[in-house]
Amino acid sequence: MKRSQAVQLRNYIKKVQPQAFMMITNSSEIIGKGFRNTI
């Protein structure tokens, strides 16, 4: 996600649901149910 997209998403969420919790983080690996290994 580009930084500008994250800002737009944050603004939208704040408008629609001001009490919502949102967390964006960089990740290099995600494992678990629902995620596929693409190596």
N, C-alpha and C. Protein backbone atom coordinates (compact mmCIF):
# COMPACT_ATOMS: atom_id res chain seq x y z
N MET A 1 0.85 -1.16 0.00
CA MET A 1 0.00 0.00 0.00
C MET A 1 0.90 1.23 0.00
N LYS A 2 0.62 2.16 -0.87
CA LYS A 2 1.38 3.41 -0.91
C LYS A 2 0.97 4.29 0.27
N ARG A 3 1.87 5.19 0.65
CA ARG A 3 1.61 6.09 1.77
C ARG A 3 0.35 6.92 1.54
N SER A 4 0.16 7.40 0.32
CA SER A 4 -1.03 8.21 0.02
C SER A 4 -2.31 7.39 0.17
N GLN A 5 -2.25 6.11 -0.17
CA GLN A 5 -3.41 5.24 0.00
C GLN A 5 -3.71 5.02 1.48
N ALA A 6 -2.67 4.87 2.28
CA ALA A 6 -2.85 4.69 3.72
C ALA A 6 -3.50 5.92 4.34
N VAL A 7 -3.10 7.09 3.90
CA VAL A 7 -3.68 8.34 4.40
C VAL A 7 -5.16 8.42 4.01
N GLN A 8 -5.47 8.08 2.78
CA GLN A 8 -6.87 8.09 2.34
C GLN A 8 -7.71 7.09 3.13
N LEU A 9 -7.16 5.91 3.36
CA LEU A 9 -7.87 4.90 4.14
C LEU A 9 -8.11 5.37 5.56
N ARG A 10 -7.08 5.94 6.18
CA ARG A 10 -7.21 6.45 7.55
C ARG A 10 -8.30 7.52 7.62
N ASN A 11 -8.30 8.44 6.69
CA ASN A 11 -9.31 9.50 6.69
C ASN A 11 -10.71 8.94 6.51
N TYR A 12 -10.86 7.96 5.63
CA TYR A 12 -12.16 7.34 5.40
C TYR A 12 -12.65 6.63 6.67
N ILE A 13 -11.78 5.86 7.29
CA ILE A 13 -12.17 5.14 8.50
C ILE A 13 -12.53 6.10 9.61
N LYS A 14 -11.77 7.17 9.78
CA LYS A 14 -12.08 8.16 10.81
C LYS A 14 -13.44 8.80 10.57
N LYS A 15 -13.80 8.98 9.30
CA LYS A 15 -15.09 9.59 8.96
C LYS A 15 -16.24 8.61 9.20
N VAL A 16 -16.07 7.37 8.78
CA VAL A 16 -17.13 6.37 8.86
C VAL A 16 -17.28 5.81 10.28
N GLN A 17 -16.17 5.53 10.95
CA GLN A 17 -16.20 4.93 12.29
C GLN A 17 -15.08 5.53 13.13
N PRO A 18 -15.33 6.69 13.76
CA PRO A 18 -14.29 7.40 14.51
C PRO A 18 -13.63 6.58 15.62
N GLN A 19 -14.33 5.60 16.18
CA GLN A 19 -13.76 4.80 17.27
C GLN A 19 -13.02 3.56 16.77
N ALA A 20 -12.91 3.40 15.47
CA ALA A 20 -12.27 2.20 14.91
C ALA A 20 -10.78 2.16 15.24
N PHE A 21 -10.25 0.94 15.29
CA PHE A 21 -8.83 0.71 15.52
C PHE A 21 -8.21 0.28 14.20
N MET A 22 -7.10 0.90 13.83
CA MET A 22 -6.43 0.56 12.59
C MET A 22 -4.94 0.49 12.84
N MET A 23 -4.31 -0.54 12.30
CA MET A 23 -2.86 -0.67 12.45
C MET A 23 -2.28 -1.05 11.09
N ILE A 24 -1.27 -0.31 10.66
CA ILE A 24 -0.57 -0.61 9.42
C ILE A 24 0.89 -0.82 9.78
N THR A 25 1.46 -1.90 9.28
CA THR A 25 2.85 -2.20 9.59
C THR A 25 3.53 -2.83 8.38
N ASN A 26 4.82 -2.62 8.27
CA ASN A 26 5.61 -3.29 7.24
C ASN A 26 5.86 -4.71 7.70
N SER A 27 5.82 -5.65 6.78
CA SER A 27 6.12 -7.03 7.14
C SER A 27 6.83 -7.71 5.98
N SER A 28 7.75 -8.57 6.34
CA SER A 28 8.49 -9.30 5.31
C SER A 28 8.01 -10.74 5.21
N GLU A 29 7.29 -11.21 6.24
CA GLU A 29 6.80 -12.58 6.21
C GLU A 29 5.54 -12.69 7.06
N ILE A 30 4.54 -13.36 6.51
CA ILE A 30 3.30 -13.63 7.25
C ILE A 30 3.00 -15.10 7.10
N ILE A 31 2.81 -15.78 8.23
CA ILE A 31 2.49 -17.20 8.18
C ILE A 31 1.22 -17.46 8.98
N GLY A 32 0.53 -18.51 8.63
CA GLY A 32 -0.68 -18.87 9.35
C GLY A 32 -1.78 -19.28 8.40
N LYS A 33 -2.89 -19.67 8.97
CA LYS A 33 -4.02 -20.14 8.17
C LYS A 33 -4.50 -19.02 7.25
N GLY A 34 -4.69 -19.35 5.99
CA GLY A 34 -5.20 -18.38 5.03
C GLY A 34 -4.11 -17.69 4.23
N PHE A 35 -2.85 -17.88 4.58
CA PHE A 35 -1.74 -17.28 3.85
C PHE A 35 -0.97 -18.38 3.15
N ARG A 36 -0.62 -18.14 1.90
CA ARG A 36 0.10 -19.15 1.12
C ARG A 36 1.57 -18.79 1.00
N ASN A 37 2.40 -19.78 0.96
CA ASN A 37 3.83 -19.60 0.76
C ASN A 37 4.07 -19.39 -0.73
N THR A 38 4.69 -18.27 -1.11
CA THR A 38 4.91 -17.96 -2.53
C THR A 38 6.38 -18.05 -2.93
N ILE A 39 7.18 -18.72 -2.14
CA ILE A 39 8.61 -18.85 -2.45
C ILE A 39 8.83 -19.87 -3.53
